[in-house]
N, C-alpha and C. Protein backbone atom coordinates (compact mmCIF):
# COMPACT_ATOMS: atom_id res chain seq x y z
N MET A 1 15.83 30.19 13.39
CA MET A 1 16.99 29.96 12.66
C MET A 1 16.52 29.19 11.46
N ALA A 2 17.27 29.70 10.34
CA ALA A 2 16.75 29.12 9.26
C ALA A 2 17.53 27.81 8.75
N LEU A 3 17.40 26.66 8.78
CA LEU A 3 18.46 25.52 8.33
C LEU A 3 18.81 25.68 6.92
N PRO A 4 20.10 25.41 6.48
CA PRO A 4 20.72 24.65 5.25
C PRO A 4 19.94 23.97 4.28
N PRO A 5 19.77 24.32 3.12
CA PRO A 5 19.65 22.96 2.06
C PRO A 5 20.46 22.05 2.67
N LEU A 6 19.52 20.58 2.15
CA LEU A 6 20.14 19.38 2.76
C LEU A 6 21.34 18.60 1.64
N ALA A 7 21.02 19.72 0.31
CA ALA A 7 22.49 19.24 -0.60
C ALA A 7 22.89 20.38 -1.15
N THR A 8 23.79 20.45 -1.27
CA THR A 8 24.43 21.70 -2.42
C THR A 8 24.08 21.99 -3.73
N ALA A 9 24.49 23.21 -4.18
CA ALA A 9 24.00 23.18 -5.67
C ALA A 9 24.89 22.46 -6.85
N ALA A 10 26.50 22.42 -6.02
CA ALA A 10 27.73 21.40 -6.74
C ALA A 10 27.04 19.83 -7.21
N ASP A 11 26.27 19.49 -5.69
CA ASP A 11 25.80 18.11 -6.22
C ASP A 11 24.24 18.18 -6.84
N LEU A 12 23.58 19.39 -6.85
CA LEU A 12 23.30 19.23 -7.84
C LEU A 12 23.21 19.37 -8.99
N ALA A 13 24.28 20.34 -9.71
CA ALA A 13 24.97 20.11 -10.90
C ALA A 13 25.36 18.73 -11.60
N ALA A 14 26.06 18.37 -10.22
CA ALA A 14 26.56 16.82 -10.42
C ALA A 14 25.75 15.71 -10.73
N ALA A 15 24.81 15.85 -10.22
CA ALA A 15 23.49 15.02 -10.59
C ALA A 15 22.86 15.36 -12.16
N GLY A 16 23.09 16.36 -12.68
CA GLY A 16 22.78 16.51 -14.38
C GLY A 16 21.91 17.67 -14.18
N ALA A 17 21.56 18.60 -13.26
CA ALA A 17 20.29 19.30 -13.41
C ALA A 17 20.98 20.40 -13.82
N SER A 18 19.94 21.24 -14.46
CA SER A 18 20.56 22.80 -14.76
C SER A 18 19.59 23.85 -14.81
N GLY A 19 19.44 24.90 -14.60
CA GLY A 19 18.85 26.06 -14.32
C GLY A 19 19.74 27.13 -13.40
N THR A 20 19.07 28.57 -13.42
CA THR A 20 19.84 29.66 -12.67
C THR A 20 20.48 29.62 -11.03
N ASP A 21 20.90 30.01 -10.88
CA ASP A 21 21.73 29.93 -9.71
C ASP A 21 20.30 30.08 -8.49
N ALA A 22 19.65 30.53 -9.05
CA ALA A 22 18.55 31.35 -7.91
C ALA A 22 17.50 29.92 -8.31
N GLN A 23 17.11 29.28 -9.31
CA GLN A 23 16.29 28.25 -9.62
C GLN A 23 16.93 26.90 -8.70
N MET A 24 18.23 26.75 -8.73
CA MET A 24 18.45 25.88 -7.94
C MET A 24 18.42 25.94 -6.56
N GLU A 25 18.71 26.71 -6.35
CA GLU A 25 18.54 27.12 -4.87
C GLU A 25 17.27 26.91 -4.37
N MET A 26 16.13 27.58 -5.10
CA MET A 26 14.96 27.10 -4.22
C MET A 26 14.69 25.89 -4.92
N ALA A 27 14.66 24.51 -5.14
CA ALA A 27 14.88 23.80 -5.80
C ALA A 27 15.12 22.85 -4.44
N LEU A 28 16.59 23.29 -4.37
CA LEU A 28 17.10 22.52 -3.23
C LEU A 28 16.16 22.94 -2.03
N ARG A 29 15.88 24.04 -1.45
CA ARG A 29 14.65 24.53 -0.51
C ARG A 29 13.94 23.98 -0.43
N ARG A 30 13.21 23.58 -1.59
CA ARG A 30 11.98 23.17 -1.24
C ARG A 30 11.67 21.67 -1.30
N ALA A 31 13.12 20.61 -1.89
CA ALA A 31 12.89 19.49 -1.57
C ALA A 31 13.22 19.37 -0.10
N SER A 32 14.72 19.98 0.46
CA SER A 32 14.60 19.85 1.80
C SER A 32 13.77 20.08 2.53
N ALA A 33 12.69 20.88 2.60
CA ALA A 33 11.60 21.00 3.40
C ALA A 33 10.77 19.89 3.44
N ARG A 34 10.78 19.85 2.17
CA ARG A 34 9.38 18.24 1.89
C ARG A 34 10.34 17.01 2.78
N VAL A 35 11.40 16.69 2.54
CA VAL A 35 12.20 15.59 3.41
C VAL A 35 12.15 15.81 5.23
N ARG A 36 12.51 17.33 5.84
CA ARG A 36 12.09 17.46 6.73
C ARG A 36 10.73 17.43 7.05
N ARG A 37 9.59 17.79 6.69
CA ARG A 37 8.34 17.81 7.31
C ARG A 37 8.21 16.00 7.16
N TYR A 38 8.57 15.56 6.56
CA TYR A 38 8.03 14.03 6.43
C TYR A 38 9.04 12.96 7.49
N THR A 39 10.31 13.59 7.73
CA THR A 39 11.24 12.98 9.06
C THR A 39 10.64 13.45 10.13
N ARG A 40 10.39 14.81 10.03
CA ARG A 40 9.90 15.71 11.70
C ARG A 40 11.23 15.73 12.15
N GLN A 41 12.15 16.05 11.45
CA GLN A 41 14.07 16.15 11.73
C GLN A 41 14.69 17.14 11.32
N ASP A 42 15.49 18.14 12.26
CA ASP A 42 16.48 19.11 11.12
C ASP A 42 17.44 18.51 10.46
N ILE A 43 17.92 17.45 11.09
CA ILE A 43 18.96 16.60 10.12
C ILE A 43 20.42 17.09 10.12
N THR A 44 20.50 18.30 9.51
CA THR A 44 21.78 18.97 9.69
C THR A 44 21.94 19.32 11.37
N PHE A 45 22.90 19.65 11.47
CA PHE A 45 23.84 19.49 12.87
C PHE A 45 23.15 20.80 13.65
N VAL A 46 22.46 21.18 15.16
CA VAL A 46 22.23 21.86 15.60
C VAL A 46 22.75 22.06 16.73
N ALA A 47 23.61 22.78 17.06
CA ALA A 47 24.49 23.12 18.44
C ALA A 47 23.77 23.65 19.06
N HIS A 48 23.70 23.46 21.11
CA HIS A 48 23.24 24.16 22.01
C HIS A 48 21.53 24.67 21.59
N ASP A 49 20.76 23.53 21.17
CA ASP A 49 19.24 23.50 21.22
C ASP A 49 18.43 23.66 22.19
N THR A 50 17.93 24.41 22.91
CA THR A 50 17.00 24.43 24.13
C THR A 50 15.27 24.36 23.66
N VAL A 51 14.79 23.09 24.51
CA VAL A 51 13.50 22.64 24.44
C VAL A 51 13.21 22.50 25.47
N GLU A 52 11.67 22.90 25.98
CA GLU A 52 10.85 22.47 26.69
C GLU A 52 9.88 21.30 26.77
N LEU A 53 10.08 20.54 27.22
CA LEU A 53 9.15 19.35 27.25
C LEU A 53 8.29 18.99 28.53
N PRO A 54 7.30 18.34 28.39
CA PRO A 54 6.42 17.84 29.05
C PRO A 54 6.90 17.06 29.76
N GLY A 55 6.70 16.22 31.14
CA GLY A 55 7.30 15.52 31.92
C GLY A 55 6.47 14.11 32.51
N TRP A 56 6.24 14.10 33.83
CA TRP A 56 5.27 13.29 34.14
C TRP A 56 5.35 11.66 33.65
N GLU A 57 6.56 11.27 33.23
CA GLU A 57 6.76 9.83 32.46
C GLU A 57 8.29 9.82 33.27
N ARG A 58 8.45 8.44 33.07
CA ARG A 58 10.03 7.92 33.43
C ARG A 58 10.91 8.20 32.07
N VAL A 59 10.50 7.87 31.23
CA VAL A 59 11.33 8.48 30.46
C VAL A 59 11.08 9.25 29.62
N LEU A 60 12.18 10.56 28.94
CA LEU A 60 11.82 11.38 28.13
C LEU A 60 12.52 11.59 27.18
N ARG A 61 12.06 11.70 25.78
CA ARG A 61 12.38 11.21 24.63
C ARG A 61 12.89 12.57 24.00
N LEU A 62 13.83 13.12 23.22
CA LEU A 62 14.05 14.05 23.08
C LEU A 62 13.80 14.06 21.13
N PRO A 63 13.48 15.22 20.92
CA PRO A 63 12.62 15.45 19.66
C PRO A 63 13.54 15.17 18.51
N GLN A 64 14.75 15.74 18.72
CA GLN A 64 16.23 15.27 17.67
C GLN A 64 16.85 14.75 17.36
N TYR A 65 17.61 14.20 16.88
CA TYR A 65 18.66 12.97 17.10
C TYR A 65 19.33 12.39 15.79
N PRO A 66 20.81 12.33 15.69
CA PRO A 66 21.27 11.59 16.45
C PRO A 66 22.17 12.72 17.80
N LEU A 67 21.78 12.72 19.22
CA LEU A 67 22.37 13.42 19.62
C LEU A 67 23.74 13.56 20.14
N VAL A 68 24.44 14.61 20.15
CA VAL A 68 25.77 14.84 19.96
C VAL A 68 26.00 15.62 21.15
N VAL A 69 26.68 14.85 22.35
CA VAL A 69 27.39 14.61 23.73
C VAL A 69 29.00 14.84 23.89
N SER A 70 29.50 16.41 24.06
CA SER A 70 30.98 16.17 24.29
C SER A 70 30.89 17.40 24.91
N GLU A 71 32.24 17.46 25.39
CA GLU A 71 32.80 18.54 26.25
C GLU A 71 32.38 20.21 25.47
N GLU A 72 32.45 19.91 24.09
CA GLU A 72 32.01 20.87 23.65
C GLU A 72 30.93 21.48 23.53
N HIS A 73 29.74 20.16 23.62
CA HIS A 73 28.30 20.46 23.47
C HIS A 73 27.63 19.58 24.56
N PRO A 74 27.84 20.23 25.63
CA PRO A 74 27.05 19.34 26.87
C PRO A 74 25.97 19.29 26.83
N LEU A 75 24.97 18.07 27.46
CA LEU A 75 23.67 17.79 27.79
C LEU A 75 23.27 18.60 29.01
N THR A 76 22.69 19.18 29.09
CA THR A 76 21.83 20.10 30.28
C THR A 76 20.60 19.91 30.46
N VAL A 77 20.07 19.57 31.08
CA VAL A 77 19.13 18.88 31.95
C VAL A 77 18.51 19.62 33.14
N VAL A 78 17.12 20.16 33.09
CA VAL A 78 17.05 21.42 34.08
C VAL A 78 15.20 21.21 34.36
N GLU A 79 14.97 20.29 35.99
CA GLU A 79 13.50 20.30 35.60
C GLU A 79 13.19 21.52 36.54
N VAL A 80 11.68 21.89 36.11
CA VAL A 80 10.95 23.15 36.54
C VAL A 80 9.50 22.45 37.30
N ALA A 81 9.61 22.97 38.46
CA ALA A 81 7.83 22.65 39.14
C ALA A 81 6.65 23.36 38.29
N ASP A 82 5.85 22.52 38.41
CA ASP A 82 4.62 23.28 38.00
C ASP A 82 4.35 24.24 38.40
N PHE A 83 4.23 24.84 39.64
CA PHE A 83 3.41 25.84 39.94
C PHE A 83 4.61 27.02 40.42
N SER A 84 5.92 26.72 41.57
CA SER A 84 6.73 27.12 42.26
C SER A 84 7.74 27.98 41.77
N GLY A 85 8.08 27.18 40.39
CA GLY A 85 8.89 28.06 39.51
C GLY A 85 10.49 27.10 39.77
N ILE A 86 10.62 26.55 40.90
CA ILE A 86 11.66 25.56 41.36
C ILE A 86 12.44 25.15 40.36
N GLU A 87 13.31 25.30 40.18
CA GLU A 87 14.36 24.34 38.93
C GLU A 87 15.56 23.46 39.87
N TRP A 88 15.40 22.45 39.15
CA TRP A 88 16.61 21.36 39.60
C TRP A 88 17.46 21.06 38.35
N ALA A 89 18.97 21.16 38.37
CA ALA A 89 19.83 20.61 37.55
C ALA A 89 19.59 19.05 37.82
N ALA A 90 19.43 18.41 36.67
CA ALA A 90 19.48 16.83 36.69
C ALA A 90 21.16 16.29 35.90
N ILE A 91 21.56 15.41 36.77
CA ILE A 91 22.92 15.27 36.66
C ILE A 91 22.94 13.74 35.41
N GLU A 92 23.44 13.68 34.71
CA GLU A 92 23.33 12.04 33.99
C GLU A 92 24.18 11.29 34.97
N ARG A 93 23.89 9.90 34.81
CA ARG A 93 24.54 8.73 35.78
C ARG A 93 24.26 8.85 37.02
N ARG A 94 23.60 10.22 37.75
CA ARG A 94 23.08 10.53 38.77
C ARG A 94 21.73 10.28 39.23
N ASP A 95 20.83 11.07 38.09
CA ASP A 95 19.45 11.57 38.31
C ASP A 95 18.87 10.66 37.07
N PHE A 96 19.53 10.43 36.22
CA PHE A 96 18.73 9.78 34.66
C PHE A 96 20.04 8.85 33.79
N SER A 97 19.80 8.29 33.12
CA SER A 97 20.66 7.29 32.25
C SER A 97 20.36 7.84 30.90
N ARG A 98 20.98 7.85 29.93
CA ARG A 98 20.87 7.99 28.61
C ARG A 98 21.01 6.59 27.80
N LEU A 99 20.03 6.64 26.87
CA LEU A 99 20.37 5.90 25.90
C LEU A 99 19.60 6.19 24.56
N GLY A 100 20.46 6.65 23.17
CA GLY A 100 20.02 7.08 22.07
C GLY A 100 19.63 8.54 22.78
N ASN A 101 18.15 8.92 21.94
CA ASN A 101 17.41 10.33 22.34
C ASN A 101 16.52 10.16 23.61
N GLU A 102 16.80 8.98 24.62
CA GLU A 102 15.90 8.65 25.74
C GLU A 102 17.08 8.68 27.03
N LEU A 103 15.95 9.64 27.67
CA LEU A 103 16.84 9.80 29.14
C LEU A 103 15.58 9.27 30.23
N THR A 104 16.16 8.25 30.45
CA THR A 104 15.33 7.57 31.62
C THR A 104 15.64 7.51 33.24
N ARG A 105 15.19 8.23 34.13
CA ARG A 105 14.66 8.38 35.73
C ARG A 105 15.26 6.53 35.99
N GLY A 106 15.61 6.46 37.57
CA GLY A 106 15.91 5.52 37.89
C GLY A 106 14.62 4.53 37.97
N TYR A 107 14.94 3.36 38.40
CA TYR A 107 13.86 2.50 38.83
C TYR A 107 13.26 2.58 40.06
N PRO A 108 12.04 2.34 40.37
CA PRO A 108 11.13 2.79 41.66
C PRO A 108 11.90 1.83 42.70
N TRP A 109 12.30 0.28 42.42
CA TRP A 109 13.14 -0.05 43.17
C TRP A 109 13.98 0.02 43.78
N GLN A 110 14.74 1.28 43.26
CA GLN A 110 15.98 1.30 43.76
C GLN A 110 16.14 2.06 45.33
N ALA A 111 17.23 2.09 45.92
CA ALA A 111 17.47 2.74 47.76
C ALA A 111 16.81 4.13 47.18
N PRO A 112 16.15 5.33 47.82
CA PRO A 112 15.75 6.64 47.56
C PRO A 112 16.72 7.58 47.77
N THR A 113 16.72 8.02 46.19
CA THR A 113 17.47 9.25 46.19
C THR A 113 17.19 9.99 45.08
N ARG A 114 18.06 10.71 44.44
CA ARG A 114 17.45 11.96 43.54
C ARG A 114 17.29 11.32 41.98
N LEU A 115 17.48 10.11 42.09
CA LEU A 115 17.59 9.15 40.75
C LEU A 115 15.77 8.54 41.15
N MET A 116 15.48 8.72 42.00
CA MET A 116 13.80 8.10 42.03
C MET A 116 12.66 9.10 41.78
N GLY A 117 12.81 10.41 41.26
CA GLY A 117 11.97 10.98 40.71
C GLY A 117 12.07 12.74 41.47
N TRP A 118 11.28 13.42 41.19
CA TRP A 118 10.92 14.84 41.21
C TRP A 118 9.12 14.95 41.59
N PRO A 119 9.46 16.20 42.81
CA PRO A 119 10.39 16.02 43.74
C PRO A 119 10.35 15.13 44.76
N TRP A 120 10.29 15.05 45.72
CA TRP A 120 10.78 13.84 46.85
C TRP A 120 9.33 13.30 47.17
N ASN A 121 8.57 14.42 46.97
CA ASN A 121 6.97 14.10 47.06
C ASN A 121 5.88 13.44 46.25
N ARG A 122 6.93 13.28 44.86
CA ARG A 122 6.13 13.07 44.10
C ARG A 122 6.13 11.61 43.38
N ALA A 123 5.80 10.81 42.63
CA ALA A 123 5.98 9.43 42.24
C ALA A 123 7.03 9.21 41.51
N GLN A 124 7.68 7.86 42.59
CA GLN A 124 8.66 7.91 42.28
C GLN A 124 9.22 7.58 40.85
N GLY A 125 10.48 8.12 40.18
CA GLY A 125 10.71 7.67 38.71
C GLY A 125 10.38 8.39 38.09
N VAL A 126 10.34 9.52 38.12
CA VAL A 126 9.57 10.06 36.98
C VAL A 126 10.02 11.76 36.76
N TRP A 127 9.73 12.45 35.51
CA TRP A 127 10.59 13.59 35.59
C TRP A 127 9.70 14.79 36.04
N ALA A 128 9.83 15.63 36.30
CA ALA A 128 8.94 16.95 36.85
C ALA A 128 8.05 17.14 35.67
N PRO A 129 7.23 18.22 36.02
CA PRO A 129 6.07 18.21 34.94
C PRO A 129 6.69 19.19 33.46
N LYS A 130 7.77 20.10 34.02
CA LYS A 130 8.45 20.28 32.58
C LYS A 130 9.84 20.24 32.65
N VAL A 131 10.21 19.89 31.59
CA VAL A 131 12.11 19.43 31.57
C VAL A 131 12.29 20.54 30.57
N ARG A 132 13.44 20.87 30.74
CA ARG A 132 14.43 21.86 29.81
C ARG A 132 15.14 21.58 29.42
N VAL A 133 15.18 21.49 28.05
CA VAL A 133 16.91 20.63 27.82
C VAL A 133 17.94 21.38 26.65
N THR A 134 18.82 21.44 27.23
CA THR A 134 20.18 22.22 26.01
C THR A 134 20.65 21.01 25.69
N TYR A 135 20.85 20.73 24.15
CA TYR A 135 21.31 19.73 23.67
C TYR A 135 22.06 19.81 21.91
N SER A 136 22.71 19.62 21.78
CA SER A 136 22.90 19.46 19.83
C SER A 136 22.72 18.32 19.89
N HIS A 137 22.68 18.20 18.18
CA HIS A 137 21.70 17.24 17.74
C HIS A 137 22.06 17.21 16.08
N GLY A 138 21.84 16.13 15.40
CA GLY A 138 22.00 16.38 13.94
C GLY A 138 23.57 15.66 13.29
N TYR A 139 23.40 15.78 12.29
CA TYR A 139 24.23 15.15 11.23
C TYR A 139 25.40 16.26 10.97
N THR A 140 26.91 16.14 11.13
CA THR A 140 27.95 17.06 10.35
C THR A 140 27.78 17.15 9.04
N GLU A 141 27.82 16.05 8.57
CA GLU A 141 27.85 15.60 6.87
C GLU A 141 26.10 14.46 6.93
N VAL A 142 25.70 15.21 5.89
CA VAL A 142 24.07 14.69 6.08
C VAL A 142 24.14 13.22 5.05
N PRO A 143 23.53 12.30 5.43
CA PRO A 143 23.73 10.79 5.00
C PRO A 143 23.45 10.83 3.44
N ASP A 144 24.10 9.83 2.84
CA ASP A 144 24.21 9.97 1.06
C ASP A 144 22.85 9.48 0.77
N ASP A 145 21.85 9.07 1.74
CA ASP A 145 20.55 8.39 1.14
C ASP A 145 19.56 9.58 1.24
N ILE A 146 20.09 10.57 2.43
CA ILE A 146 19.01 11.91 2.29
C ILE A 146 19.77 12.70 1.06
N VAL A 147 20.80 12.88 1.10
CA VAL A 147 20.93 13.49 -0.11
C VAL A 147 20.60 12.97 -1.70
N ASP A 148 20.47 11.80 -1.50
CA ASP A 148 20.07 11.84 -3.18
C ASP A 148 18.37 11.39 -2.82
N VAL A 149 17.74 11.58 -2.18
CA VAL A 149 16.08 11.73 -2.32
C VAL A 149 16.11 13.30 -2.76
N VAL A 150 17.01 14.16 -1.66
CA VAL A 150 16.81 15.41 -1.66
C VAL A 150 16.66 16.24 -3.41
N LEU A 151 18.16 15.27 -4.12
CA LEU A 151 18.31 15.97 -5.17
C LEU A 151 17.63 15.44 -6.62
N ASP A 152 17.06 14.27 -5.82
CA ASP A 152 15.85 13.57 -6.58
C ASP A 152 14.33 14.25 -6.87
N LEU A 153 14.49 14.78 -5.70
CA LEU A 153 13.27 15.79 -5.75
C LEU A 153 13.53 17.41 -6.32
N ALA A 154 14.84 17.85 -5.98
CA ALA A 154 15.34 19.23 -6.70
C ALA A 154 15.17 18.89 -8.25
N VAL A 155 15.68 17.90 -8.71
CA VAL A 155 15.68 17.68 -10.17
C VAL A 155 14.64 17.68 -10.56
N MET A 156 13.07 16.85 -9.80
CA MET A 156 11.98 17.22 -10.43
C MET A 156 11.44 18.30 -10.54
N ASN A 157 11.72 18.99 -9.55
CA ASN A 157 11.09 20.77 -8.92
C ASN A 157 11.92 21.39 -10.50
N LEU A 158 12.88 20.95 -11.10
CA LEU A 158 13.70 21.91 -11.65
C LEU A 158 13.08 21.29 -13.03
N SER A 159 12.79 19.96 -13.36
CA SER A 159 12.03 20.10 -14.85
C SER A 159 10.69 20.39 -15.30
N ASN A 160 10.21 20.89 -13.80
CA ASN A 160 8.76 21.75 -14.37
C ASN A 160 8.43 22.51 -13.71
N PRO A 161 9.33 23.74 -13.42
CA PRO A 161 9.53 24.89 -12.76
C PRO A 161 8.06 25.72 -12.74
N GLU A 162 6.98 25.48 -14.12
CA GLU A 162 5.65 26.11 -14.18
C GLU A 162 4.79 25.19 -13.53
N ASN A 163 5.08 24.30 -13.07
CA ASN A 163 4.14 23.66 -12.96
C ASN A 163 2.65 22.61 -13.96
N LEU A 164 3.27 22.75 -14.80
CA LEU A 164 2.48 22.29 -16.18
C LEU A 164 2.21 20.72 -16.01
N ARG A 165 0.95 20.16 -16.53
CA ARG A 165 0.76 18.73 -16.67
C ARG A 165 1.21 18.74 -18.65
N SER A 166 1.14 18.84 -19.02
CA SER A 166 1.65 19.28 -20.30
C SER A 166 2.33 20.13 -21.35
N VAL A 167 3.20 20.18 -22.10
CA VAL A 167 3.73 21.22 -22.82
C VAL A 167 3.67 20.52 -24.62
N SER A 168 3.07 21.29 -25.58
CA SER A 168 3.26 20.59 -26.93
C SER A 168 4.13 22.52 -27.74
N ILE A 169 4.54 21.96 -28.50
CA ILE A 169 5.45 22.81 -29.64
C ILE A 169 5.65 22.24 -30.66
N ASP A 170 4.99 22.86 -31.35
CA ASP A 170 4.91 22.07 -33.01
C ASP A 170 4.54 21.06 -32.68
N ASP A 171 5.38 19.69 -33.10
CA ASP A 171 5.80 18.30 -33.46
C ASP A 171 5.79 17.52 -31.92
N TYR A 172 6.52 18.72 -31.19
CA TYR A 172 6.87 17.87 -30.07
C TYR A 172 5.75 18.22 -28.82
N SER A 173 5.54 17.28 -27.87
CA SER A 173 4.70 17.41 -26.96
C SER A 173 5.61 16.36 -25.78
N ARG A 174 4.99 17.22 -24.34
CA ARG A 174 5.42 16.33 -23.06
C ARG A 174 4.48 16.58 -22.35
N THR A 175 4.39 14.89 -21.87
CA THR A 175 3.35 15.12 -20.35
C THR A 175 4.00 15.11 -19.12
N PHE A 176 4.36 16.15 -18.43
CA PHE A 176 5.15 15.82 -17.04
C PHE A 176 4.48 14.65 -15.58
N ALA A 177 5.29 13.79 -14.73
CA ALA A 177 4.87 13.05 -14.14
C ALA A 177 3.81 14.03 -12.89
N SER A 178 3.00 13.50 -12.40
CA SER A 178 2.34 14.10 -11.67
C SER A 178 2.97 14.34 -10.03
N GLU A 179 3.92 13.72 -9.98
CA GLU A 179 4.68 14.16 -8.67
C GLU A 179 5.32 15.71 -9.04
N THR A 180 5.75 16.30 -10.34
CA THR A 180 5.88 17.36 -10.48
C THR A 180 4.70 18.70 -10.00
N ILE A 181 3.68 18.09 -10.43
CA ILE A 181 2.99 19.35 -10.64
C ILE A 181 2.79 19.61 -9.19
N GLY A 182 2.71 20.89 -8.78
CA GLY A 182 2.59 21.58 -7.57
C GLY A 182 4.01 21.78 -6.71
N GLY A 183 5.31 21.16 -7.16
CA GLY A 183 6.63 21.01 -6.48
C GLY A 183 6.14 19.55 -6.32
N ALA A 184 7.16 19.14 -6.49
CA ALA A 184 8.00 17.47 -6.51
C ALA A 184 7.63 17.11 -4.95
N ARG A 185 7.14 15.68 -5.27
CA ARG A 185 6.35 15.28 -3.84
C ARG A 185 7.32 13.90 -3.61
N LEU A 186 7.32 13.73 -2.72
CA LEU A 186 7.95 12.45 -2.35
C LEU A 186 7.28 11.15 -2.43
N THR A 187 7.87 10.80 -2.89
CA THR A 187 7.21 8.92 -3.40
C THR A 187 7.16 8.08 -2.48
N ARG A 188 6.65 6.87 -3.22
CA ARG A 188 6.72 5.76 -2.28
C ARG A 188 7.79 5.16 -1.90
N SER A 189 8.95 5.01 -2.94
CA SER A 189 9.95 4.85 -2.84
C SER A 189 11.08 5.78 -2.13
N HIS A 190 10.90 6.96 -2.17
CA HIS A 190 11.39 8.14 -1.24
C HIS A 190 11.03 8.05 0.13
N LYS A 191 10.12 7.57 0.43
CA LYS A 191 9.31 7.73 1.97
C LYS A 191 10.25 6.36 2.28
N ASP A 192 10.45 5.17 1.93
CA ASP A 192 11.13 3.78 1.62
C ASP A 192 12.38 4.21 2.52
N ASP A 193 13.12 4.83 1.36
CA ASP A 193 14.74 5.30 1.95
C ASP A 193 14.66 6.14 3.29
N LEU A 194 13.56 7.18 3.54
CA LEU A 194 13.51 8.21 4.56
C LEU A 194 13.05 7.16 5.93
N ARG A 195 12.51 5.97 5.88
CA ARG A 195 11.58 5.39 7.08
C ARG A 195 12.71 5.42 8.14
N SER A 196 13.65 5.53 8.21
CA SER A 196 14.54 5.05 9.34
C SER A 196 15.00 6.08 10.23
N TYR A 197 14.93 7.47 9.45
CA TYR A 197 15.14 8.81 9.82
C TYR A 197 13.76 9.46 10.73
N ARG A 198 12.80 9.06 10.18
CA ARG A 198 11.71 9.65 10.72
C ARG A 198 10.92 9.33 11.94
N ARG A 199 10.58 10.59 13.07
CA ARG A 199 10.44 10.33 14.04
C ARG A 199 8.90 10.12 14.33
N SER A 200 8.39 9.32 15.04
CA SER A 200 7.27 8.70 14.97
C SER A 200 6.18 10.35 15.79
N ALA A 201 5.01 10.48 15.06
CA ALA A 201 4.36 11.92 15.56
C ALA A 201 3.78 11.47 17.13
N PHE A 202 4.13 10.34 17.82
CA PHE A 202 3.74 10.51 19.08
C PHE A 202 4.64 9.94 20.00
N SER A 203 5.99 10.12 19.70
CA SER A 203 7.25 10.03 19.78
C SER A 203 7.49 11.12 21.17
N VAL A 204 6.98 12.17 21.04
CA VAL A 204 6.85 13.29 22.21
C VAL A 204 5.65 13.95 22.77
N ALA A 205 5.34 13.77 23.61
CA ALA A 205 4.12 14.53 23.67
C ALA A 205 3.86 16.14 23.82
N PRO A 206 3.03 16.37 22.91
CA PRO A 206 2.63 18.04 23.17
C PRO A 206 2.94 18.55 24.43
N SER A 207 3.34 19.57 24.63
CA SER A 207 3.64 20.55 25.71
C SER A 207 2.45 21.27 25.60
């Protein structure tokens, strides 16, 4: 599923950019892709996304956030055994607790219940070898500081669509910033603005 740009053409025009509709759309798509690649987040709201994650730990970290959990957007967690294919639905507040994007199994010193782990002959307080999660995540309105970065990158893309290092016409000459060559790149300032939204590369183990 293709994700929408993180800012609109109207936002870009209001930021003082100019170009054809196609140029502005492309600039926003490229800028949004840069931001998503850096943050490792979809950012925009995605409903009922299903992922399979490796377990074997007490804490299961969902890769996309913030989580949105409501009657219309339930959180569904299913544990899957390694070879038998047995599946077990894990229930919040019975089998695990939730804090932010972390789903945590019960502590080993609690009374023996399903909260202890999967299945009963496994190590206590850990998730199954594989966990399938269906959840909704992201922002219904993109935060302003993310929009600002996207617009800044898009304006830089539009300022040098041909990826020129410099241009000279008669007595006029212009040298383009290095960040605009080969497509606008995130600056250190941009990365500082996005750091709070960035997911660590090691927050979710590869499956």
